[in-house]
N, C-alpha and C. Protein backbone atom coordinates (compact mmCIF):
# COMPACT_ATOMS: atom_id res chain seq x y z
N MET A 1 -30.36 -61.55 36.81
CA MET A 1 -29.32 -61.65 35.79
C MET A 1 -29.19 -60.46 35.27
N LYS A 2 -30.43 -60.11 34.44
CA LYS A 2 -30.55 -58.74 33.83
C LYS A 2 -30.27 -57.53 34.83
N THR A 3 -30.75 -57.75 35.86
CA THR A 3 -30.64 -56.53 36.99
C THR A 3 -28.91 -56.32 37.25
N LEU A 4 -28.41 -57.68 37.62
CA LEU A 4 -27.00 -57.77 37.62
C LEU A 4 -25.94 -57.10 36.65
N ASP A 5 -26.52 -57.46 35.67
CA ASP A 5 -26.05 -56.67 34.12
C ASP A 5 -26.04 -55.18 34.22
N CYS A 6 -27.35 -54.60 34.45
CA CYS A 6 -27.72 -53.58 34.54
C CYS A 6 -26.49 -52.47 35.56
N ILE A 7 -26.54 -53.26 36.83
CA ILE A 7 -25.74 -52.58 37.69
C ILE A 7 -24.33 -52.60 37.33
N ILE A 8 -23.70 -53.69 36.71
CA ILE A 8 -22.30 -53.88 36.40
C ILE A 8 -22.09 -52.66 35.13
N ILE A 9 -23.20 -52.42 34.28
CA ILE A 9 -22.76 -51.49 33.09
C ILE A 9 -23.03 -50.14 33.84
N ALA A 10 -23.72 -50.02 34.78
CA ALA A 10 -23.97 -48.64 35.27
C ALA A 10 -22.43 -48.23 35.95
N PHE A 11 -22.09 -49.48 36.73
CA PHE A 11 -20.81 -49.04 37.58
C PHE A 11 -19.72 -48.77 36.81
N ALA A 12 -19.61 -49.40 35.59
CA ALA A 12 -18.42 -49.34 34.56
C ALA A 12 -18.25 -47.82 34.30
N ALA A 13 -20.15 -47.40 33.68
CA ALA A 13 -20.06 -46.15 33.17
C ALA A 13 -19.37 -45.35 34.13
N SER A 14 -20.05 -45.33 35.36
CA SER A 14 -19.62 -44.24 36.23
C SER A 14 -18.14 -44.17 36.52
N SER A 15 -17.57 -45.35 36.49
CA SER A 15 -15.80 -45.19 36.83
C SER A 15 -15.37 -44.87 35.66
N LEU A 16 -15.82 -44.97 34.53
CA LEU A 16 -15.17 -44.38 33.16
C LEU A 16 -15.57 -42.72 33.60
N ALA A 17 -16.56 -42.38 33.78
CA ALA A 17 -17.01 -41.05 34.00
C ALA A 17 -16.06 -40.18 34.73
N LEU A 18 -15.56 -40.94 36.01
CA LEU A 18 -14.70 -40.25 37.15
C LEU A 18 -13.16 -40.42 36.70
N HIS A 19 -13.22 -41.52 35.72
CA HIS A 19 -11.62 -41.54 35.25
C HIS A 19 -11.33 -40.33 34.10
N ALA A 20 -12.56 -40.14 33.80
CA ALA A 20 -12.34 -39.30 32.32
C ALA A 20 -12.14 -37.73 33.22
N HIS A 21 -13.24 -37.86 34.20
CA HIS A 21 -12.97 -36.27 35.08
C HIS A 21 -11.60 -36.15 35.63
N ALA A 22 -11.12 -36.83 36.06
CA ALA A 22 -9.88 -36.83 36.80
C ALA A 22 -8.50 -36.66 35.64
N VAL A 23 -8.62 -37.30 34.65
CA VAL A 23 -7.69 -37.01 33.64
C VAL A 23 -7.95 -35.91 32.91
N GLU A 24 -8.72 -35.27 32.36
CA GLU A 24 -9.19 -34.43 31.35
C GLU A 24 -9.33 -33.05 32.80
N PRO A 25 -8.37 -32.18 32.74
CA PRO A 25 -8.60 -30.98 33.27
C PRO A 25 -9.57 -30.19 32.58
N ALA A 26 -10.40 -29.12 33.48
CA ALA A 26 -11.10 -28.35 33.03
C ALA A 26 -10.54 -27.28 31.81
N SER A 27 -11.37 -26.97 31.31
CA SER A 27 -10.77 -26.17 29.80
C SER A 27 -10.55 -24.67 30.44
N PRO A 28 -9.55 -23.90 30.26
CA PRO A 28 -9.25 -22.82 30.69
C PRO A 28 -10.23 -21.58 30.09
N LYS A 29 -10.92 -20.47 30.65
CA LYS A 29 -11.94 -19.85 30.11
C LYS A 29 -11.19 -18.83 28.74
N ARG A 30 -11.86 -18.85 27.94
CA ARG A 30 -11.37 -18.47 26.48
C ARG A 30 -12.13 -17.45 25.79
N PRO A 31 -11.95 -16.67 25.13
CA PRO A 31 -13.15 -15.67 24.17
C PRO A 31 -13.45 -16.68 23.26
N SER A 32 -15.18 -16.49 22.91
CA SER A 32 -15.45 -17.08 21.95
C SER A 32 -14.90 -16.73 20.48
N VAL A 33 -15.33 -17.74 19.47
CA VAL A 33 -14.75 -17.35 18.24
C VAL A 33 -15.51 -16.14 17.52
N GLU A 34 -16.80 -15.98 18.35
CA GLU A 34 -17.53 -14.93 17.50
C GLU A 34 -17.15 -13.70 18.39
N GLN A 35 -16.40 -13.63 19.46
CA GLN A 35 -15.70 -12.29 19.98
C GLN A 35 -14.61 -11.97 19.15
N LEU A 36 -13.71 -13.05 18.63
CA LEU A 36 -12.50 -12.94 18.01
C LEU A 36 -12.88 -12.63 16.82
N GLN A 37 -13.47 -13.01 15.96
CA GLN A 37 -14.26 -12.49 14.67
C GLN A 37 -14.43 -11.09 14.87
N LYS A 38 -15.06 -10.41 15.76
CA LYS A 38 -15.52 -9.03 15.91
C LYS A 38 -14.21 -8.08 16.08
N VAL A 39 -13.15 -8.66 16.20
CA VAL A 39 -12.17 -7.92 16.60
C VAL A 39 -10.77 -8.06 15.52
N ILE A 40 -10.99 -8.75 14.61
CA ILE A 40 -9.92 -9.31 13.73
C ILE A 40 -9.87 -7.98 12.75
N VAL A 41 -8.53 -7.55 12.56
CA VAL A 41 -8.56 -6.45 11.56
C VAL A 41 -8.28 -6.79 10.11
N SER A 42 -7.29 -7.91 10.16
CA SER A 42 -7.20 -8.71 9.10
C SER A 42 -6.48 -9.91 9.12
N ARG A 43 -7.09 -11.32 8.20
CA ARG A 43 -6.56 -12.25 8.26
C ARG A 43 -5.11 -12.68 7.28
N ALA A 44 -4.77 -11.56 7.03
CA ALA A 44 -3.28 -11.64 6.05
C ALA A 44 -2.77 -10.52 6.37
N PRO A 45 -2.12 -9.99 7.56
CA PRO A 45 -1.64 -8.72 7.70
C PRO A 45 -0.19 -8.84 7.19
N GLN A 46 0.34 -7.61 6.95
CA GLN A 46 1.73 -7.53 6.22
C GLN A 46 2.60 -7.77 7.23
N THR A 47 3.38 -8.99 7.07
CA THR A 47 4.46 -9.15 8.08
C THR A 47 5.93 -8.97 7.49
N ARG A 48 6.27 -8.78 6.11
CA ARG A 48 7.34 -8.44 5.74
C ARG A 48 7.17 -7.71 4.37
N VAL A 49 8.35 -7.26 3.87
CA VAL A 49 8.48 -6.27 2.60
C VAL A 49 9.38 -7.49 1.76
N GLU A 50 9.02 -7.05 0.48
CA GLU A 50 9.70 -7.80 -0.60
C GLU A 50 11.45 -7.26 -0.62
N ALA A 51 11.50 -5.68 -0.36
CA ALA A 51 13.07 -5.39 -0.38
C ALA A 51 12.68 -4.06 0.36
N PRO A 52 13.90 -3.81 1.04
CA PRO A 52 13.85 -2.49 2.04
C PRO A 52 14.03 -1.20 0.88
N ASP A 53 13.52 0.03 1.34
CA ASP A 53 13.46 0.72 0.40
C ASP A 53 14.69 1.76 0.33
N SER A 54 16.00 1.22 1.43
CA SER A 54 17.14 1.77 1.24
C SER A 54 17.92 0.89 2.07
N GLU A 55 19.26 0.40 1.76
CA GLU A 55 19.93 -0.38 2.72
C GLU A 55 20.47 0.28 3.92
N ARG A 56 20.53 1.73 3.67
CA ARG A 56 21.04 2.45 4.89
C ARG A 56 20.41 3.66 5.16
N ILE A 57 20.24 4.22 6.06
CA ILE A 57 19.25 5.63 6.55
C ILE A 57 20.11 6.27 7.65
N THR A 58 20.93 7.15 7.15
CA THR A 58 21.51 8.25 8.15
C THR A 58 20.55 9.57 8.57
N ALA A 59 20.56 9.57 9.64
CA ALA A 59 19.74 10.93 10.19
C ALA A 59 19.94 11.13 11.65
N ARG A 60 20.06 12.44 12.08
CA ARG A 60 19.98 12.80 13.38
C ARG A 60 18.85 12.54 14.09
N ARG A 61 17.82 12.42 13.68
CA ARG A 61 16.36 12.24 14.12
C ARG A 61 15.53 11.61 13.39
N ILE A 62 14.72 10.55 13.91
CA ILE A 62 13.61 10.09 13.34
C ILE A 62 12.67 10.26 14.29
N ASP A 63 11.22 10.66 13.76
CA ASP A 63 10.19 10.86 14.52
C ASP A 63 8.86 9.80 14.05
N ILE A 64 8.40 9.03 14.71
CA ILE A 64 7.08 8.23 14.23
C ILE A 64 5.88 8.73 14.80
N VAL A 65 4.91 9.33 13.85
CA VAL A 65 4.03 9.78 14.21
C VAL A 65 2.65 9.21 14.22
N ASP A 66 1.68 9.45 14.96
CA ASP A 66 0.47 8.78 14.70
C ASP A 66 -0.66 9.43 13.99
N GLU A 67 -2.01 8.95 13.69
CA GLU A 67 -2.80 9.32 12.44
C GLU A 67 -3.03 10.87 12.67
N LYS A 68 -2.74 11.38 14.19
CA LYS A 68 -3.23 12.71 14.29
C LYS A 68 -2.07 13.70 14.10
N GLY A 69 -0.98 13.11 13.87
CA GLY A 69 0.44 13.63 13.73
C GLY A 69 1.03 14.03 14.95
N VAL A 70 0.49 13.14 16.29
CA VAL A 70 1.46 13.35 17.31
C VAL A 70 2.66 12.55 17.14
N ILE A 71 3.66 13.14 17.55
CA ILE A 71 4.90 12.40 17.84
C ILE A 71 4.57 11.15 19.01
N ARG A 72 4.96 10.14 18.70
CA ARG A 72 4.76 8.91 19.75
C ARG A 72 6.03 8.32 19.76
N MET A 73 6.92 8.60 19.07
CA MET A 73 8.23 7.75 19.22
C MET A 73 9.49 8.63 18.58
N THR A 74 10.41 8.87 19.27
CA THR A 74 11.81 9.60 18.59
C THR A 74 12.71 8.58 18.80
N LEU A 75 13.73 8.42 17.67
CA LEU A 75 15.04 7.88 17.55
C LEU A 75 15.98 8.81 17.49
N SER A 76 16.77 8.99 18.00
CA SER A 76 18.04 10.34 17.89
C SER A 76 19.35 9.98 18.81
N GLY A 77 20.33 10.46 18.12
CA GLY A 77 21.64 10.69 19.12
C GLY A 77 21.70 11.61 19.96
N GLN A 78 20.67 12.45 19.87
CA GLN A 78 20.46 13.64 21.11
C GLN A 78 19.04 13.53 21.20
N THR A 79 18.42 12.86 22.13
CA THR A 79 17.03 12.99 22.46
C THR A 79 16.44 14.03 22.75
N PRO A 80 15.46 14.36 22.13
CA PRO A 80 14.80 15.87 22.97
C PRO A 80 14.67 15.68 24.53
N ALA A 81 14.62 17.02 24.60
CA ALA A 81 14.11 17.48 26.23
C ALA A 81 13.06 16.81 26.46
N PRO A 82 12.76 16.25 27.83
CA PRO A 82 11.56 15.65 28.00
C PRO A 82 10.18 16.59 27.88
N ILE A 83 9.25 16.13 27.52
CA ILE A 83 7.93 16.83 27.51
C ILE A 83 7.02 16.37 28.64
N ILE A 84 6.50 17.16 29.53
CA ILE A 84 5.65 16.68 30.80
C ILE A 84 4.36 17.65 30.53
N ASP A 85 3.38 17.07 30.47
CA ASP A 85 1.91 17.94 30.26
C ASP A 85 2.06 19.11 29.47
N GLY A 86 2.88 18.92 28.55
CA GLY A 86 3.01 20.04 27.57
C GLY A 86 3.73 21.00 27.71
N ILE A 87 4.74 20.85 28.51
CA ILE A 87 5.77 21.90 28.87
C ILE A 87 7.17 20.86 28.70
N GLN A 88 8.20 21.27 27.81
CA GLN A 88 9.64 21.20 27.77
C GLN A 88 10.41 21.26 29.15
N TYR A 89 11.06 20.59 29.49
CA TYR A 89 12.16 21.06 30.46
C TYR A 89 13.37 20.25 30.08
N LYS A 90 14.49 20.64 30.80
CA LYS A 90 15.70 20.62 30.11
C LYS A 90 16.19 19.36 30.68
N ARG A 91 17.20 18.30 29.96
CA ARG A 91 17.39 16.89 30.64
C ARG A 91 18.50 17.16 31.22
N ALA A 92 18.97 16.38 32.50
CA ALA A 92 20.16 16.50 33.39
C ALA A 92 21.63 16.28 32.26
N PHE A 93 21.64 14.97 31.20
CA PHE A 93 22.75 14.95 30.35
C PHE A 93 22.07 14.63 28.89
N ASN A 94 22.65 14.32 28.01
CA ASN A 94 22.02 13.78 26.80
C ASN A 94 22.08 12.22 26.95
N VAL A 95 21.23 11.83 26.07
CA VAL A 95 20.77 10.45 25.96
C VAL A 95 20.44 10.08 24.66
N ALA A 96 21.29 9.54 24.09
CA ALA A 96 21.27 8.75 22.47
C ALA A 96 20.20 7.66 22.68
N GLY A 97 19.26 7.90 22.06
CA GLY A 97 18.56 6.27 21.90
C GLY A 97 17.07 6.65 21.19
N MET A 98 16.09 5.89 22.18
CA MET A 98 14.54 6.21 21.75
C MET A 98 13.77 6.81 22.64
N VAL A 99 13.01 7.47 22.65
CA VAL A 99 11.86 8.31 23.69
C VAL A 99 10.70 7.92 23.26
N LEU A 100 9.61 7.42 24.02
CA LEU A 100 8.28 6.98 23.43
C LEU A 100 7.15 8.25 24.67
N TYR A 101 6.25 8.26 23.73
CA TYR A 101 5.36 9.36 24.27
C TYR A 101 3.76 8.98 24.28
N ASP A 102 2.90 9.41 25.05
CA ASP A 102 1.76 9.23 24.95
C ASP A 102 0.85 9.60 23.73
N ASP A 103 -0.42 9.60 24.11
CA ASP A 103 -0.87 10.51 22.72
C ASP A 103 -1.28 11.98 23.10
N LYS A 104 -0.99 12.32 24.05
CA LYS A 104 -0.88 13.88 24.31
C LYS A 104 0.66 14.62 24.19
N GLY A 105 1.44 13.64 24.18
CA GLY A 105 3.17 14.43 23.53
C GLY A 105 3.74 14.03 24.92
N SER A 106 3.25 13.53 25.71
CA SER A 106 4.08 13.45 27.05
C SER A 106 4.97 12.48 26.88
N GLU A 107 6.30 12.38 27.62
CA GLU A 107 7.01 11.11 27.68
C GLU A 107 6.48 10.56 28.62
N ARG A 108 6.93 9.05 28.12
CA ARG A 108 6.58 8.04 28.96
C ARG A 108 7.55 7.00 29.10
N GLY A 109 8.67 7.09 28.47
CA GLY A 109 9.39 5.99 28.78
C GLY A 109 10.70 6.37 27.55
N GLY A 110 11.87 5.16 27.72
CA GLY A 110 12.60 5.41 26.59
C GLY A 110 13.94 4.36 27.19
N PHE A 111 14.84 4.31 26.19
CA PHE A 111 15.80 3.57 26.54
C PHE A 111 17.28 4.08 25.36
N GLY A 112 18.54 4.11 26.10
CA GLY A 112 19.74 4.45 25.07
C GLY A 112 20.59 4.76 26.16
N THR A 113 21.77 5.14 25.67
CA THR A 113 23.04 5.49 26.47
C THR A 113 23.05 6.68 26.88
N ALA A 114 23.70 7.05 28.02
CA ALA A 114 23.92 8.62 28.57
C ALA A 114 25.35 9.14 28.39
N ASP A 115 25.22 10.22 28.06
CA ASP A 115 26.59 10.97 28.09
C ASP A 115 27.20 11.56 29.22
N VAL A 116 27.48 10.35 30.09
CA VAL A 116 28.27 10.72 31.58
C VAL A 116 29.58 9.84 31.45
N GLU A 117 30.44 10.44 32.11
CA GLU A 117 31.81 10.04 32.39
C GLU A 117 31.67 8.19 32.55
N GLY A 118 32.23 7.96 31.44
CA GLY A 118 32.47 6.63 31.28
C GLY A 118 31.38 5.74 30.59
N GLY A 119 30.36 6.56 30.39
CA GLY A 119 29.16 6.08 29.66
C GLY A 119 28.00 5.11 30.49
N MET A 120 26.98 5.43 30.12
CA MET A 120 25.77 4.64 31.36
C MET A 120 24.59 4.34 30.24
N ALA A 121 24.26 3.26 30.41
CA ALA A 121 22.77 2.32 29.78
C ALA A 121 21.82 2.47 30.67
N VAL A 122 20.80 2.92 29.88
CA VAL A 122 19.35 3.22 30.77
C VAL A 122 18.23 2.91 30.26
N LEU A 123 17.01 2.73 30.99
CA LEU A 123 15.84 2.40 30.41
C LEU A 123 14.91 2.51 31.35
N ALA A 124 13.77 3.33 31.12
CA ALA A 124 12.95 3.89 32.24
C ALA A 124 11.53 3.90 31.16
N LEU A 125 10.34 3.31 32.16
CA LEU A 125 8.91 3.52 31.81
C LEU A 125 8.43 4.54 32.95
N ASP A 126 7.56 5.54 32.59
CA ASP A 126 7.20 6.52 33.43
C ASP A 126 5.64 6.52 33.94
N HIS A 127 5.68 7.03 35.22
CA HIS A 127 4.55 7.65 35.63
C HIS A 127 3.94 8.65 34.64
N PRO A 128 2.89 9.38 34.87
CA PRO A 128 2.50 10.55 34.02
C PRO A 128 3.69 11.76 34.10
N ALA A 129 4.18 11.72 35.49
CA ALA A 129 5.27 13.20 35.48
C ALA A 129 6.48 12.53 36.43
N MET A 130 6.50 11.20 36.47
CA MET A 130 7.96 10.62 37.05
C MET A 130 8.29 9.21 36.62
N ASP A 131 9.42 8.87 36.78
CA ASP A 131 9.94 7.82 36.56
C ASP A 131 9.10 6.64 37.13
N ALA A 132 8.61 5.61 36.64
CA ALA A 132 7.88 4.66 37.31
C ALA A 132 8.88 3.20 37.41
N ILE A 133 9.63 2.90 36.49
CA ILE A 133 10.51 1.72 36.66
C ILE A 133 11.78 1.94 36.13
N GLY A 134 12.96 1.62 36.27
CA GLY A 134 14.56 2.27 35.68
C GLY A 134 15.39 1.17 35.55
N TRP A 135 16.13 0.81 34.67
CA TRP A 135 17.28 0.14 34.64
C TRP A 135 18.38 1.17 34.59
N ARG A 136 19.26 0.73 34.97
CA ARG A 136 20.38 1.34 34.86
C ARG A 136 21.92 0.63 34.87
N VAL A 137 22.71 0.62 33.92
CA VAL A 137 23.90 -0.07 33.88
C VAL A 137 25.23 1.18 34.10
N SER A 138 25.72 1.13 35.19
CA SER A 138 26.85 2.18 35.88
C SER A 138 27.92 2.06 35.12
N PRO A 139 28.90 3.13 34.93
CA PRO A 139 30.31 2.97 34.38
C PRO A 139 31.05 1.91 35.44
N ASP A 140 31.18 1.99 36.62
CA ASP A 140 31.58 1.33 37.40
C ASP A 140 31.20 -0.23 37.50
N GLY A 141 30.15 -0.68 36.29
CA GLY A 141 29.83 -2.00 36.52
C GLY A 141 28.47 -2.42 37.30
N GLU A 142 28.27 -1.44 38.25
CA GLU A 142 27.11 -1.69 38.79
C GLU A 142 25.40 -1.76 38.05
N VAL A 143 24.73 -2.81 38.67
CA VAL A 143 23.50 -2.81 37.73
C VAL A 143 22.23 -2.73 38.59
N ARG A 144 21.54 -1.59 38.35
CA ARG A 144 20.54 -1.38 39.28
C ARG A 144 19.23 -1.20 38.42
N PHE A 145 18.33 -1.92 39.10
CA PHE A 145 16.67 -2.02 38.58
C PHE A 145 15.76 -1.12 39.59
N SER A 146 15.02 -0.41 39.61
CA SER A 146 14.10 0.37 40.60
C SER A 146 12.73 0.28 40.10
N ILE A 147 11.78 0.11 41.33
CA ILE A 147 10.32 0.39 40.85
C ILE A 147 9.92 1.65 41.91
N ASN A 148 9.55 2.41 41.48
CA ASN A 148 8.79 3.47 42.17
C ASN A 148 7.58 3.31 42.43
N GLN A 149 7.08 4.21 43.60
CA GLN A 149 5.57 4.27 43.82
C GLN A 149 4.91 5.28 42.98
N ALA A 150 3.81 5.70 42.40
CA ALA A 150 3.33 6.30 41.80
C ALA A 150 3.21 7.68 42.66
N PRO A 151 3.77 9.11 42.23
CA PRO A 151 3.62 10.01 43.07
C PRO A 151 2.22 10.93 43.02
N PRO A 152 1.62 11.61 43.83
CA PRO A 152 0.52 12.24 43.57
C PRO A 152 0.51 13.00 42.29
N LEU A 153 -0.63 13.59 41.66
CA LEU A 153 -0.55 14.28 40.71
C LEU A 153 -0.74 15.91 40.82
N ILE A 154 0.25 16.49 40.89
CA ILE A 154 0.24 17.76 41.41
C ILE A 154 0.34 18.88 40.36
N ARG A 155 -0.74 19.86 40.17
CA ARG A 155 -0.83 20.68 39.19
C ARG A 155 -0.64 22.29 39.84
N GLU A 156 0.17 22.80 38.89
CA GLU A 156 0.77 24.05 39.41
C GLU A 156 -0.49 25.43 38.60
N PRO A 157 -0.87 26.26 39.31
CA PRO A 157 -1.43 27.20 38.71
C PRO A 157 -0.52 28.10 37.87
N ARG A 158 0.53 28.61 38.21
CA ARG A 158 1.53 29.31 37.57
C ARG A 158 2.19 28.61 36.56
N LEU A 159 1.91 27.34 36.29
CA LEU A 159 2.30 26.74 34.92
C LEU A 159 0.89 26.22 34.33
N ASP A 160 0.30 27.04 34.05
CA ASP A 160 -1.12 26.76 33.46
C ASP A 160 -1.83 25.66 33.68
N ASN A 161 -1.90 25.57 35.33
CA ASN A 161 -2.54 24.37 35.48
C ASN A 161 -1.89 22.99 35.20
N ARG A 162 -0.68 23.13 34.69
CA ARG A 162 -0.15 21.71 34.31
C ARG A 162 0.63 20.75 35.47
N LEU A 163 0.85 19.66 35.06
CA LEU A 163 1.44 18.57 36.30
C LEU A 163 3.00 19.34 36.42
N ILE A 164 3.17 19.00 37.73
CA ILE A 164 4.75 19.44 38.28
C ILE A 164 5.43 18.15 38.06
N PRO A 165 6.60 18.06 37.16
CA PRO A 165 7.38 16.87 37.13
C PRO A 165 8.06 16.71 38.32
N GLY A 166 8.87 15.44 38.45
CA GLY A 166 9.83 15.31 39.49
C GLY A 166 9.22 15.64 41.11
N VAL A 167 7.76 15.07 41.38
CA VAL A 167 7.46 14.83 42.64
C VAL A 167 8.05 13.88 43.31
N GLN A 168 8.83 14.11 44.34
CA GLN A 168 9.31 13.17 45.35
C GLN A 168 8.08 11.97 45.62
N THR A 169 8.99 10.86 45.42
CA THR A 169 8.29 9.39 45.51
C THR A 169 9.16 8.30 45.84
N PRO A 170 8.85 7.57 46.95
CA PRO A 170 9.69 6.64 47.33
C PRO A 170 9.99 5.29 46.14
N THR A 171 11.30 4.67 46.11
CA THR A 171 11.38 3.45 45.40
C THR A 171 11.04 2.48 46.33
N ARG A 172 10.42 1.69 46.08
CA ARG A 172 9.76 0.76 46.64
C ARG A 172 10.29 -0.55 46.79
N ILE A 173 10.94 -1.09 45.16
CA ILE A 173 11.56 -2.23 45.30
C ILE A 173 12.89 -2.09 44.41
N GLN A 174 13.76 -2.35 44.83
CA GLN A 174 15.37 -2.07 44.39
C GLN A 174 16.07 -3.45 44.19
N MET A 175 16.59 -3.71 43.00
CA MET A 175 17.52 -4.93 42.83
C MET A 175 18.88 -4.53 42.23
N VAL A 176 20.03 -4.80 42.82
CA VAL A 176 21.25 -4.31 42.61
C VAL A 176 22.08 -5.54 42.20
N VAL A 177 22.98 -5.38 41.57
CA VAL A 177 24.36 -5.90 41.63
C VAL A 177 25.31 -5.06 41.56
N GLY A 178 25.82 -5.32 42.63
CA GLY A 178 27.11 -4.03 42.86
C GLY A 178 28.13 -4.09 42.02
N ALA A 179 28.91 -3.24 42.00
CA ALA A 179 30.50 -3.26 41.17
C ALA A 179 31.05 -4.34 41.68
N ASP A 180 31.22 -4.71 42.71
CA ASP A 180 31.67 -5.89 43.33
C ASP A 180 31.17 -7.32 43.17
N GLY A 181 30.19 -7.38 42.74
CA GLY A 181 29.12 -8.17 42.46
C GLY A 181 28.16 -8.95 43.45
N THR A 182 27.99 -8.29 44.32
CA THR A 182 27.27 -8.74 45.37
C THR A 182 25.79 -8.17 45.07
N PRO A 183 24.78 -9.32 45.20
CA PRO A 183 23.55 -9.07 44.89
C PRO A 183 23.08 -8.78 46.06
N ALA A 184 21.61 -7.98 45.47
CA ALA A 184 20.74 -7.79 46.94
C ALA A 184 19.35 -7.12 46.17
N ILE A 185 18.43 -7.50 47.01
CA ILE A 185 16.85 -6.93 46.58
C ILE A 185 16.46 -6.32 47.81
N ALA A 186 16.06 -5.13 47.96
CA ALA A 186 15.83 -4.44 48.88
C ALA A 186 14.04 -3.99 48.89
N LEU A 187 13.34 -3.92 49.87
CA LEU A 187 11.85 -3.58 49.95
C LEU A 187 11.96 -2.38 50.81
N ASN A 188 11.32 -1.44 50.27
CA ASN A 188 11.51 0.03 50.87
C ASN A 188 10.47 0.53 51.39
N ASP A 189 10.41 1.16 52.57
CA ASP A 189 9.09 1.82 53.08
C ASP A 189 8.43 2.94 52.44
N LYS A 190 7.51 3.79 52.76
CA LYS A 190 7.49 5.32 52.38
C LYS A 190 7.84 5.99 52.34
N GLN A 191 9.05 6.05 53.40
CA GLN A 191 10.06 7.11 53.17
C GLN A 191 11.11 6.64 52.41
N ASP A 192 11.29 5.59 51.59
CA ASP A 192 12.29 5.52 50.91
C ASP A 192 13.56 5.03 51.50
N ARG A 193 13.31 4.23 52.73
CA ARG A 193 14.06 3.36 53.63
C ARG A 193 14.16 2.21 53.39
N ALA A 194 15.38 1.19 53.05
CA ALA A 194 15.41 -0.09 53.00
C ALA A 194 15.08 -0.62 54.02
N ARG A 195 14.13 -1.57 54.42
CA ARG A 195 13.67 -1.85 55.73
C ARG A 195 13.69 -3.59 55.76
N LEU A 196 13.81 -4.08 54.14
CA LEU A 196 14.16 -5.51 54.27
C LEU A 196 14.95 -5.70 53.11
N ARG A 197 16.01 -6.64 53.11
CA ARG A 197 17.02 -6.66 51.87
C ARG A 197 17.42 -8.56 52.18
N LEU A 198 17.18 -9.23 50.87
CA LEU A 198 17.42 -10.18 50.43
C LEU A 198 19.11 -10.10 49.69
N THR A 199 20.20 -11.01 50.41
CA THR A 199 21.54 -10.79 49.78
C THR A 199 22.16 -11.99 49.92
N VAL A 200 23.41 -11.79 49.29
CA VAL A 200 24.37 -13.15 49.70
C VAL A 200 25.57 -12.46 50.54
N THR A 201 25.99 -13.08 51.34
CA THR A 201 26.87 -12.47 52.21
C THR A 201 28.45 -12.76 51.47
N PRO A 202 29.56 -11.97 51.74
CA PRO A 202 30.73 -12.12 51.53
C PRO A 202 31.18 -13.88 51.38
N GLU A 203 30.84 -14.62 52.26
CA GLU A 203 31.23 -16.10 52.56
C GLU A 203 30.70 -16.76 51.55
N GLY A 204 29.20 -16.31 51.00
CA GLY A 204 28.52 -16.97 49.98
C GLY A 204 27.40 -17.77 50.55
N TYR A 205 26.92 -17.00 51.67
CA TYR A 205 25.78 -17.47 52.30
C TYR A 205 24.55 -16.70 51.95
N GLY A 206 23.39 -17.37 51.71
CA GLY A 206 22.02 -16.28 51.42
C GLY A 206 21.96 -16.09 52.92
N ALA A 207 21.06 -14.57 52.90
CA ALA A 207 20.84 -13.71 54.09
C ALA A 207 19.67 -13.03 53.71
N ILE A 208 18.91 -12.72 55.04
CA ILE A 208 17.88 -11.84 54.87
C ILE A 208 17.83 -10.81 55.99
N GLU A 209 18.13 -9.84 55.51
CA GLU A 209 18.39 -8.54 56.60
C GLU A 209 17.51 -7.90 57.01
N PHE A 210 17.21 -7.53 58.09
CA PHE A 210 16.35 -6.65 58.68
C PHE A 210 16.92 -5.40 59.08
N LEU A 211 16.40 -4.25 58.80
CA LEU A 211 16.85 -2.86 59.06
C LEU A 211 16.08 -2.13 59.75
N ASP A 212 16.60 -1.23 60.40
CA ASP A 212 15.56 -0.04 61.17
C ASP A 212 15.77 1.44 60.43
N ALA A 213 15.02 2.16 60.67
CA ALA A 213 14.86 3.91 60.01
C ALA A 213 16.39 4.08 59.88
N GLN A 214 17.20 3.80 60.39
CA GLN A 214 18.38 4.46 60.30
C GLN A 214 19.39 3.96 59.28
N GLY A 215 18.76 2.69 58.85
CA GLY A 215 19.44 1.76 57.74
C GLY A 215 20.56 0.73 58.54
N LYS A 216 20.19 0.56 59.70
CA LYS A 216 21.42 -0.72 60.48
C LYS A 216 20.72 -1.65 60.39
N VAL A 217 21.63 -2.88 60.15
CA VAL A 217 20.90 -4.10 60.25
C VAL A 217 20.56 -4.48 61.56
N ILE A 218 19.42 -4.74 62.01
CA ILE A 218 19.08 -4.98 63.24
C ILE A 218 18.92 -6.91 63.69
N HIS A 219 18.72 -7.40 62.49
CA HIS A 219 18.46 -8.91 62.55
C HIS A 219 18.83 -9.58 61.25
N THR A 220 19.52 -10.56 61.24
CA THR A 220 20.18 -11.31 60.01
C THR A 220 19.51 -12.60 60.14
N LEU A 221 18.74 -13.38 59.17
CA LEU A 221 18.47 -14.67 58.89
C LEU A 221 19.38 -15.17 58.02
N ALA A 222 20.37 -16.05 58.20
CA ALA A 222 21.43 -16.74 57.37
C ALA A 222 21.64 -18.36 58.09
N PRO A 223 20.50 -18.98 57.62
CA PRO A 223 20.78 -20.55 58.33
C PRO A 223 21.96 -21.15 57.66
N GLU A 224 22.61 -20.96 56.72
CA GLU A 224 23.45 -22.08 56.55
C GLU A 224 24.94 -21.41 57.40
N ALA A 225 24.99 -19.95 57.29
CA ALA A 225 25.99 -19.30 58.36
C ALA A 225 25.86 -19.95 59.49
N ALA A 226 24.70 -19.98 59.96
CA ALA A 226 24.65 -20.58 61.65
C ALA A 226 25.25 -21.93 61.99
N GLN A 227 25.06 -22.57 60.96
CA GLN A 227 25.69 -24.29 60.79
C GLN A 227 27.04 -24.21 60.95
N GLN A 228 27.77 -23.37 60.57
CA GLN A 228 29.12 -23.33 60.47
C GLN A 228 29.93 -23.27 61.68
């Protein structure tokens, strides 16, 4: 009887262990408290001010600098021309908004409104010498989001061995809502040609389009349309 009791108890304990293992998922990997304590700056950081220094600030330009005096952010009604690797170049059109800079003073992104006919809202984050991702809301209502492949970093001896801006690079992913409301997501090849496109047809059917190098749709998958 004693042996049977031991078997029953052992079986019960085993069942409980299996049940606990099934119910309780493994804990996710996390930093230790000791690791966190080493990187704590303050347990009571400043999160508010008692009163603003001024109810309103009016300025043409505000620069935020780091501890070395490098401009890291500019807020302006006429943002400064872009600085790439220590050289400043003309901007294609004025943009009012905010510009972000890296620790060397090179432009790495920003957002604002562009002074073009009808007005345009823009936002970009940059590779060292070229746009990496960009949003654009055009005057005609088109909304476009692009992701560009990083271009090669080319230095020019006649520019004091500085980086050349605007090196051609393909847009690999592009999401668009056209002015007429047509949505599309395109995947491009290395020559910046759309080769696969996800869209909705004018009839409202979801479709996947395959395109050749000339931009012609060579095959379309639209299962719902095929059923009609």
